[in-house]
Amino acid sequence: MTMLPFSIKKLFFYAYKKGLMKMFGCVFCQVAAHESPAEIVYEDEHCVVFKDINPKAPVHLLAVPRRHISSLNEDLEADEKLLGHLLTVAGRVAKQHGIDGTGYRTVINTNAEAGQTVFHLHLHILGGRILRWPPG
């Protein structure tokens, strides 16, 4: 699959900012509620982890909080424990997928210019191949 052009990402961002995405609902909220299909590999009362539908590595998972948080730009002081939990879960699923020993990357994109296309906070967990630096 090809990446979305930047202009389309920017369009998603402005549609989100104007509230236009609300009419479609949040796809990650739907996945967390089991209302949309996804290959879920882990879940608990705070988050769900599932395989990315457009993987950039042999292992590409998304860890998503069940509660809707649009991005790291929100006031997250009350969510410090949840954010730490997402990182703990990332380590757990990396181990389950056998990439803890060779290495993996965790990424949170914030807003369109960073590559965020779904405006529900999510943590990418990538591994299973050599990941170059700098990314993108």
N, C-alpha and C. Protein backbone atom coordinates (compact mmCIF):
# COMPACT_ATOMS: atom_id res chain seq x y z
N MET A 1 0.83 -1.18 0.00
CA MET A 1 0.00 0.00 0.00
C MET A 1 0.88 1.24 0.00
N THR A 2 0.36 2.32 -0.57
CA THR A 2 1.11 3.56 -0.59
C THR A 2 0.70 4.44 0.58
N MET A 3 1.58 5.35 0.91
CA MET A 3 1.28 6.29 1.99
C MET A 3 0.33 7.36 1.48
N LEU A 4 -0.44 7.92 2.39
CA LEU A 4 -1.33 9.02 2.02
C LEU A 4 -0.50 10.26 1.71
N PRO A 5 -0.85 10.97 0.64
CA PRO A 5 -0.14 12.22 0.36
C PRO A 5 -0.35 13.21 1.50
N PHE A 6 0.62 14.09 1.69
CA PHE A 6 0.55 15.06 2.78
C PHE A 6 -0.73 15.90 2.70
N SER A 7 -1.15 16.26 1.49
CA SER A 7 -2.35 17.10 1.34
C SER A 7 -3.58 16.39 1.90
N ILE A 8 -3.66 15.07 1.75
CA ILE A 8 -4.79 14.32 2.29
C ILE A 8 -4.70 14.27 3.81
N LYS A 9 -3.49 14.08 4.35
CA LYS A 9 -3.32 14.09 5.81
C LYS A 9 -3.75 15.43 6.38
N LYS A 10 -3.36 16.51 5.71
CA LYS A 10 -3.72 17.85 6.16
C LYS A 10 -5.24 18.03 6.11
N LEU A 11 -5.88 17.49 5.07
CA LEU A 11 -7.34 17.56 4.97
C LEU A 11 -8.00 16.84 6.13
N PHE A 12 -7.50 15.64 6.48
CA PHE A 12 -8.03 14.92 7.64
C PHE A 12 -7.89 15.75 8.91
N PHE A 13 -6.72 16.38 9.07
CA PHE A 13 -6.45 17.18 10.26
C PHE A 13 -7.44 18.34 10.36
N TYR A 14 -7.63 19.09 9.29
CA TYR A 14 -8.54 20.22 9.33
C TYR A 14 -9.99 19.78 9.49
N ALA A 15 -10.34 18.65 8.88
CA ALA A 15 -11.70 18.11 9.07
C ALA A 15 -11.91 17.74 10.53
N TYR A 16 -10.90 17.15 11.14
CA TYR A 16 -10.99 16.82 12.57
C TYR A 16 -11.14 18.08 13.40
N LYS A 17 -10.30 19.09 13.13
CA LYS A 17 -10.32 20.32 13.92
C LYS A 17 -11.67 21.04 13.81
N LYS A 18 -12.32 20.94 12.66
CA LYS A 18 -13.62 21.59 12.45
C LYS A 18 -14.78 20.73 12.96
N GLY A 19 -14.48 19.55 13.48
CA GLY A 19 -15.53 18.69 14.01
C GLY A 19 -16.23 17.84 12.97
N LEU A 20 -15.73 17.84 11.74
CA LEU A 20 -16.40 17.10 10.67
C LEU A 20 -16.22 15.60 10.79
N MET A 21 -15.17 15.14 11.48
CA MET A 21 -14.94 13.71 11.60
C MET A 21 -15.94 13.06 12.56
N LYS A 22 -16.60 13.87 13.40
CA LYS A 22 -17.53 13.31 14.38
C LYS A 22 -18.70 12.59 13.71
N MET A 23 -19.08 13.03 12.52
CA MET A 23 -20.20 12.39 11.84
C MET A 23 -19.85 10.96 11.41
N PHE A 24 -18.56 10.67 11.25
CA PHE A 24 -18.14 9.33 10.86
C PHE A 24 -17.81 8.47 12.08
N GLY A 25 -17.57 9.09 13.21
CA GLY A 25 -17.16 8.37 14.40
C GLY A 25 -15.67 8.08 14.36
N CYS A 26 -15.14 7.74 15.50
CA CYS A 26 -13.71 7.45 15.61
C CYS A 26 -13.50 5.95 15.39
N VAL A 27 -12.72 5.61 14.38
CA VAL A 27 -12.50 4.20 14.05
C VAL A 27 -11.80 3.46 15.19
N PHE A 28 -10.89 4.12 15.91
CA PHE A 28 -10.21 3.44 17.01
C PHE A 28 -11.13 3.23 18.20
N CYS A 29 -12.05 4.16 18.44
CA CYS A 29 -13.07 3.94 19.48
C CYS A 29 -13.94 2.74 19.10
N GLN A 30 -14.26 2.63 17.81
CA GLN A 30 -15.07 1.52 17.33
C GLN A 30 -14.33 0.20 17.47
N VAL A 31 -13.04 0.19 17.18
CA VAL A 31 -12.24 -1.04 17.36
C VAL A 31 -12.20 -1.41 18.84
N ALA A 32 -11.94 -0.44 19.70
CA ALA A 32 -11.85 -0.71 21.13
C ALA A 32 -13.16 -1.26 21.69
N ALA A 33 -14.28 -0.85 21.09
CA ALA A 33 -15.59 -1.32 21.52
C ALA A 33 -16.04 -2.57 20.77
N HIS A 34 -15.16 -3.13 19.92
CA HIS A 34 -15.47 -4.31 19.10
C HIS A 34 -16.62 -4.04 18.13
N GLU A 35 -16.73 -2.80 17.67
CA GLU A 35 -17.76 -2.43 16.70
C GLU A 35 -17.20 -2.41 15.27
N SER A 36 -15.89 -2.39 15.13
CA SER A 36 -15.21 -2.46 13.82
C SER A 36 -14.21 -3.60 13.88
N PRO A 37 -14.00 -4.28 12.75
CA PRO A 37 -13.07 -5.42 12.76
C PRO A 37 -11.62 -4.98 12.92
N ALA A 38 -10.87 -5.78 13.64
CA ALA A 38 -9.43 -5.59 13.79
C ALA A 38 -8.86 -6.89 14.33
N GLU A 39 -7.59 -7.12 14.04
CA GLU A 39 -6.92 -8.30 14.57
C GLU A 39 -6.29 -7.93 15.92
N ILE A 40 -7.08 -8.08 16.96
CA ILE A 40 -6.68 -7.69 18.31
C ILE A 40 -5.72 -8.74 18.88
N VAL A 41 -4.59 -8.26 19.40
CA VAL A 41 -3.59 -9.17 19.97
C VAL A 41 -3.50 -9.06 21.48
N TYR A 42 -4.07 -7.99 22.05
CA TYR A 42 -4.05 -7.79 23.50
C TYR A 42 -5.15 -6.78 23.85
N GLU A 43 -5.78 -6.99 24.99
CA GLU A 43 -6.69 -5.97 25.50
C GLU A 43 -6.86 -6.13 26.99
N ASP A 44 -7.11 -5.01 27.64
CA ASP A 44 -7.44 -4.99 29.05
C ASP A 44 -8.45 -3.86 29.26
N GLU A 45 -8.71 -3.50 30.50
CA GLU A 45 -9.74 -2.48 30.76
C GLU A 45 -9.31 -1.08 30.33
N HIS A 46 -8.02 -0.86 30.08
CA HIS A 46 -7.53 0.48 29.74
C HIS A 46 -7.19 0.67 28.27
N CYS A 47 -6.80 -0.42 27.59
CA CYS A 47 -6.34 -0.26 26.21
C CYS A 47 -6.58 -1.53 25.40
N VAL A 48 -6.39 -1.36 24.10
CA VAL A 48 -6.47 -2.47 23.16
C VAL A 48 -5.28 -2.35 22.21
N VAL A 49 -4.71 -3.49 21.81
CA VAL A 49 -3.59 -3.51 20.87
C VAL A 49 -4.01 -4.38 19.69
N PHE A 50 -3.81 -3.85 18.49
CA PHE A 50 -4.20 -4.60 17.30
C PHE A 50 -3.20 -4.36 16.18
N LYS A 51 -3.24 -5.23 15.17
CA LYS A 51 -2.32 -5.13 14.04
C LYS A 51 -2.73 -3.97 13.14
N ASP A 52 -1.72 -3.20 12.71
CA ASP A 52 -1.95 -2.09 11.79
C ASP A 52 -2.38 -2.65 10.43
N ILE A 53 -3.37 -2.02 9.80
CA ILE A 53 -3.86 -2.52 8.51
C ILE A 53 -2.93 -2.12 7.36
N ASN A 54 -1.99 -1.21 7.63
CA ASN A 54 -1.02 -0.78 6.63
C ASN A 54 0.38 -0.87 7.25
N PRO A 55 0.86 -2.11 7.50
CA PRO A 55 2.10 -2.27 8.25
C PRO A 55 3.32 -1.73 7.54
N LYS A 56 4.23 -1.13 8.34
CA LYS A 56 5.50 -0.60 7.84
C LYS A 56 6.67 -1.47 8.26
N ALA A 57 6.36 -2.57 8.94
CA ALA A 57 7.38 -3.52 9.40
C ALA A 57 6.69 -4.88 9.56
N PRO A 58 7.45 -5.97 9.61
CA PRO A 58 6.83 -7.28 9.80
C PRO A 58 5.93 -7.34 11.05
N VAL A 59 6.33 -6.65 12.10
CA VAL A 59 5.45 -6.48 13.27
C VAL A 59 5.12 -5.00 13.35
N HIS A 60 3.85 -4.66 13.20
CA HIS A 60 3.40 -3.27 13.32
C HIS A 60 2.05 -3.30 14.03
N LEU A 61 2.12 -2.95 15.30
CA LEU A 61 0.93 -2.97 16.16
C LEU A 61 0.59 -1.56 16.60
N LEU A 62 -0.67 -1.36 16.97
CA LEU A 62 -1.13 -0.08 17.50
C LEU A 62 -1.72 -0.32 18.88
N ALA A 63 -1.22 0.41 19.87
CA ALA A 63 -1.77 0.38 21.22
C ALA A 63 -2.63 1.62 21.39
N VAL A 64 -3.89 1.42 21.72
CA VAL A 64 -4.88 2.50 21.73
C VAL A 64 -5.59 2.53 23.08
N PRO A 65 -5.66 3.68 23.74
CA PRO A 65 -6.46 3.74 24.96
C PRO A 65 -7.94 3.57 24.62
N ARG A 66 -8.69 2.93 25.48
CA ARG A 66 -10.12 2.75 25.24
C ARG A 66 -10.86 4.09 25.27
N ARG A 67 -10.41 4.97 26.16
CA ARG A 67 -11.04 6.29 26.26
C ARG A 67 -10.48 7.17 25.15
N HIS A 68 -11.34 7.92 24.51
CA HIS A 68 -10.91 8.76 23.39
C HIS A 68 -10.06 9.93 23.91
N ILE A 69 -8.83 9.96 23.42
CA ILE A 69 -7.92 11.08 23.62
C ILE A 69 -7.42 11.41 22.22
N SER A 70 -7.59 12.63 21.76
CA SER A 70 -7.27 12.91 20.36
C SER A 70 -5.77 12.93 20.06
N SER A 71 -4.95 13.47 20.97
CA SER A 71 -3.51 13.52 20.73
C SER A 71 -2.79 13.88 22.02
N LEU A 72 -1.47 13.93 21.94
CA LEU A 72 -0.67 14.36 23.09
C LEU A 72 -0.86 15.84 23.39
N ASN A 73 -1.52 16.57 22.51
CA ASN A 73 -1.75 18.00 22.73
C ASN A 73 -2.87 18.27 23.72
N GLU A 74 -3.62 17.25 24.08
CA GLU A 74 -4.67 17.44 25.10
C GLU A 74 -4.01 17.59 26.47
N ASP A 75 -4.76 18.12 27.42
CA ASP A 75 -4.28 18.21 28.80
C ASP A 75 -4.27 16.80 29.36
N LEU A 76 -3.09 16.22 29.53
CA LEU A 76 -2.97 14.81 29.88
C LEU A 76 -2.47 14.55 31.30
N GLU A 77 -2.48 15.57 32.15
CA GLU A 77 -1.98 15.36 33.51
C GLU A 77 -2.71 14.23 34.21
N ALA A 78 -4.02 14.15 34.03
CA ALA A 78 -4.81 13.09 34.68
C ALA A 78 -4.57 11.73 34.02
N ASP A 79 -3.92 11.71 32.87
CA ASP A 79 -3.72 10.47 32.12
C ASP A 79 -2.29 9.94 32.18
N GLU A 80 -1.47 10.46 33.08
CA GLU A 80 -0.09 10.01 33.16
C GLU A 80 0.00 8.50 33.40
N LYS A 81 -0.84 7.99 34.26
CA LYS A 81 -0.82 6.55 34.55
C LYS A 81 -1.21 5.75 33.30
N LEU A 82 -2.20 6.23 32.56
CA LEU A 82 -2.64 5.55 31.34
C LEU A 82 -1.52 5.55 30.29
N LEU A 83 -0.83 6.67 30.13
CA LEU A 83 0.26 6.74 29.16
C LEU A 83 1.40 5.79 29.54
N GLY A 84 1.70 5.71 30.82
CA GLY A 84 2.69 4.74 31.28
C GLY A 84 2.25 3.32 31.04
N HIS A 85 0.96 3.07 31.23
CA HIS A 85 0.40 1.74 30.98
C HIS A 85 0.56 1.36 29.51
N LEU A 86 0.32 2.30 28.59
CA LEU A 86 0.49 2.01 27.16
C LEU A 86 1.93 1.57 26.86
N LEU A 87 2.90 2.22 27.48
CA LEU A 87 4.30 1.84 27.26
C LEU A 87 4.61 0.48 27.87
N THR A 88 4.05 0.20 29.03
CA THR A 88 4.24 -1.11 29.65
C THR A 88 3.65 -2.21 28.77
N VAL A 89 2.46 -1.97 28.25
CA VAL A 89 1.80 -2.94 27.36
C VAL A 89 2.62 -3.10 26.08
N ALA A 90 3.20 -2.01 25.57
CA ALA A 90 4.03 -2.10 24.36
C ALA A 90 5.18 -3.09 24.58
N GLY A 91 5.82 -3.01 25.72
CA GLY A 91 6.91 -3.95 26.03
C GLY A 91 6.40 -5.38 26.12
N ARG A 92 5.23 -5.55 26.70
CA ARG A 92 4.63 -6.88 26.86
C ARG A 92 4.32 -7.50 25.49
N VAL A 93 3.67 -6.74 24.59
CA VAL A 93 3.31 -7.32 23.29
C VAL A 93 4.53 -7.47 22.39
N ALA A 94 5.55 -6.61 22.57
CA ALA A 94 6.80 -6.79 21.82
C ALA A 94 7.42 -8.14 22.19
N LYS A 95 7.40 -8.46 23.48
CA LYS A 95 7.94 -9.75 23.92
C LYS A 95 7.11 -10.90 23.35
N GLN A 96 5.78 -10.78 23.38
CA GLN A 96 4.90 -11.82 22.84
C GLN A 96 5.14 -12.05 21.36
N HIS A 97 5.54 -11.00 20.63
CA HIS A 97 5.77 -11.11 19.19
C HIS A 97 7.23 -11.37 18.84
N GLY A 98 8.07 -11.60 19.87
CA GLY A 98 9.45 -12.01 19.65
C GLY A 98 10.38 -10.92 19.14
N ILE A 99 10.04 -9.65 19.35
CA ILE A 99 10.90 -8.58 18.86
C ILE A 99 11.62 -7.84 20.00
N ASP A 100 11.41 -8.30 21.22
CA ASP A 100 12.05 -7.62 22.36
C ASP A 100 13.56 -7.81 22.35
N GLY A 101 14.04 -8.95 21.89
CA GLY A 101 15.47 -9.22 21.88
C GLY A 101 16.22 -8.51 20.76
N THR A 102 15.60 -8.43 19.59
CA THR A 102 16.27 -7.81 18.44
C THR A 102 16.07 -6.31 18.40
N GLY A 103 14.97 -5.84 18.97
CA GLY A 103 14.70 -4.40 19.02
C GLY A 103 13.40 -4.03 18.35
N TYR A 104 12.82 -2.97 18.85
CA TYR A 104 11.58 -2.44 18.30
C TYR A 104 11.51 -0.95 18.56
N ARG A 105 10.64 -0.28 17.84
CA ARG A 105 10.47 1.17 17.98
C ARG A 105 9.04 1.46 18.41
N THR A 106 8.88 2.43 19.30
CA THR A 106 7.57 2.94 19.67
C THR A 106 7.48 4.37 19.18
N VAL A 107 6.33 4.71 18.58
CA VAL A 107 6.15 6.04 17.97
C VAL A 107 4.74 6.54 18.28
N ILE A 108 4.65 7.81 18.64
CA ILE A 108 3.36 8.49 18.73
C ILE A 108 3.44 9.70 17.81
N ASN A 109 2.64 9.71 16.75
CA ASN A 109 2.57 10.85 15.85
C ASN A 109 1.52 11.83 16.38
N THR A 110 1.85 13.11 16.34
CA THR A 110 0.92 14.12 16.84
C THR A 110 0.68 15.18 15.76
N ASN A 111 -0.52 15.18 15.24
CA ASN A 111 -1.01 16.08 14.19
C ASN A 111 -0.50 15.70 12.80
N ALA A 112 -1.07 16.35 11.81
CA ALA A 112 -0.89 15.95 10.41
C ALA A 112 0.55 16.00 9.93
N GLU A 113 1.29 17.03 10.27
CA GLU A 113 2.66 17.14 9.77
C GLU A 113 3.57 16.04 10.32
N ALA A 114 3.17 15.44 11.43
CA ALA A 114 3.94 14.31 11.99
C ALA A 114 3.43 12.98 11.47
N GLY A 115 2.32 12.99 10.73
CA GLY A 115 1.80 11.75 10.15
C GLY A 115 0.58 11.18 10.84
N GLN A 116 -0.01 11.90 11.80
CA GLN A 116 -1.21 11.39 12.46
C GLN A 116 -2.39 11.52 11.50
N THR A 117 -3.04 10.40 11.20
CA THR A 117 -4.21 10.42 10.32
C THR A 117 -5.48 10.02 11.05
N VAL A 118 -5.35 9.32 12.17
CA VAL A 118 -6.50 9.00 13.01
C VAL A 118 -6.31 9.78 14.30
N PHE A 119 -7.25 10.67 14.59
CA PHE A 119 -7.09 11.58 15.72
C PHE A 119 -7.66 10.98 17.00
N HIS A 120 -7.05 9.85 17.34
CA HIS A 120 -7.24 9.14 18.60
C HIS A 120 -5.82 8.71 18.95
N LEU A 121 -5.32 9.16 20.08
CA LEU A 121 -3.96 8.85 20.49
C LEU A 121 -3.68 7.36 20.30
N HIS A 122 -2.56 7.04 19.68
CA HIS A 122 -2.17 5.64 19.51
C HIS A 122 -0.66 5.53 19.44
N LEU A 123 -0.16 4.43 19.95
CA LEU A 123 1.26 4.14 20.03
C LEU A 123 1.58 3.05 19.01
N HIS A 124 2.44 3.37 18.05
CA HIS A 124 2.90 2.37 17.08
C HIS A 124 4.00 1.55 17.73
N ILE A 125 3.97 0.25 17.51
CA ILE A 125 5.01 -0.67 17.96
C ILE A 125 5.51 -1.38 16.71
N LEU A 126 6.74 -1.09 16.30
CA LEU A 126 7.28 -1.61 15.05
C LEU A 126 8.54 -2.43 15.30
N GLY A 127 8.66 -3.55 14.61
CA GLY A 127 9.85 -4.38 14.73
C GLY A 127 9.87 -5.49 13.71
N GLY A 128 10.88 -6.33 13.80
CA GLY A 128 10.99 -7.45 12.88
C GLY A 128 11.86 -7.15 11.68
N ARG A 129 12.44 -5.97 11.64
CA ARG A 129 13.39 -5.59 10.58
C ARG A 129 14.26 -4.47 11.13
N ILE A 130 15.33 -4.16 10.41
CA ILE A 130 16.18 -3.04 10.80
C ILE A 130 15.41 -1.75 10.54
N LEU A 131 15.32 -0.91 11.55
CA LEU A 131 14.64 0.37 11.43
C LEU A 131 15.69 1.48 11.39
N ARG A 132 15.74 2.21 10.32
CA ARG A 132 16.75 3.26 10.12
C ARG A 132 16.40 4.52 10.89
N TRP A 133 17.42 5.37 11.07
CA TRP A 133 17.23 6.67 11.70
C TRP A 133 17.92 7.71 10.85
N PRO A 134 17.34 8.84 10.60
CA PRO A 134 16.03 9.26 11.10
C PRO A 134 14.90 8.62 10.31
N PRO A 135 13.73 8.48 10.96
CA PRO A 135 12.58 7.91 10.24
C PRO A 135 12.02 8.92 9.26
N GLY A 136 11.25 8.40 8.29
CA GLY A 136 10.51 9.23 7.33
C GLY A 136 11.30 10.29 6.72
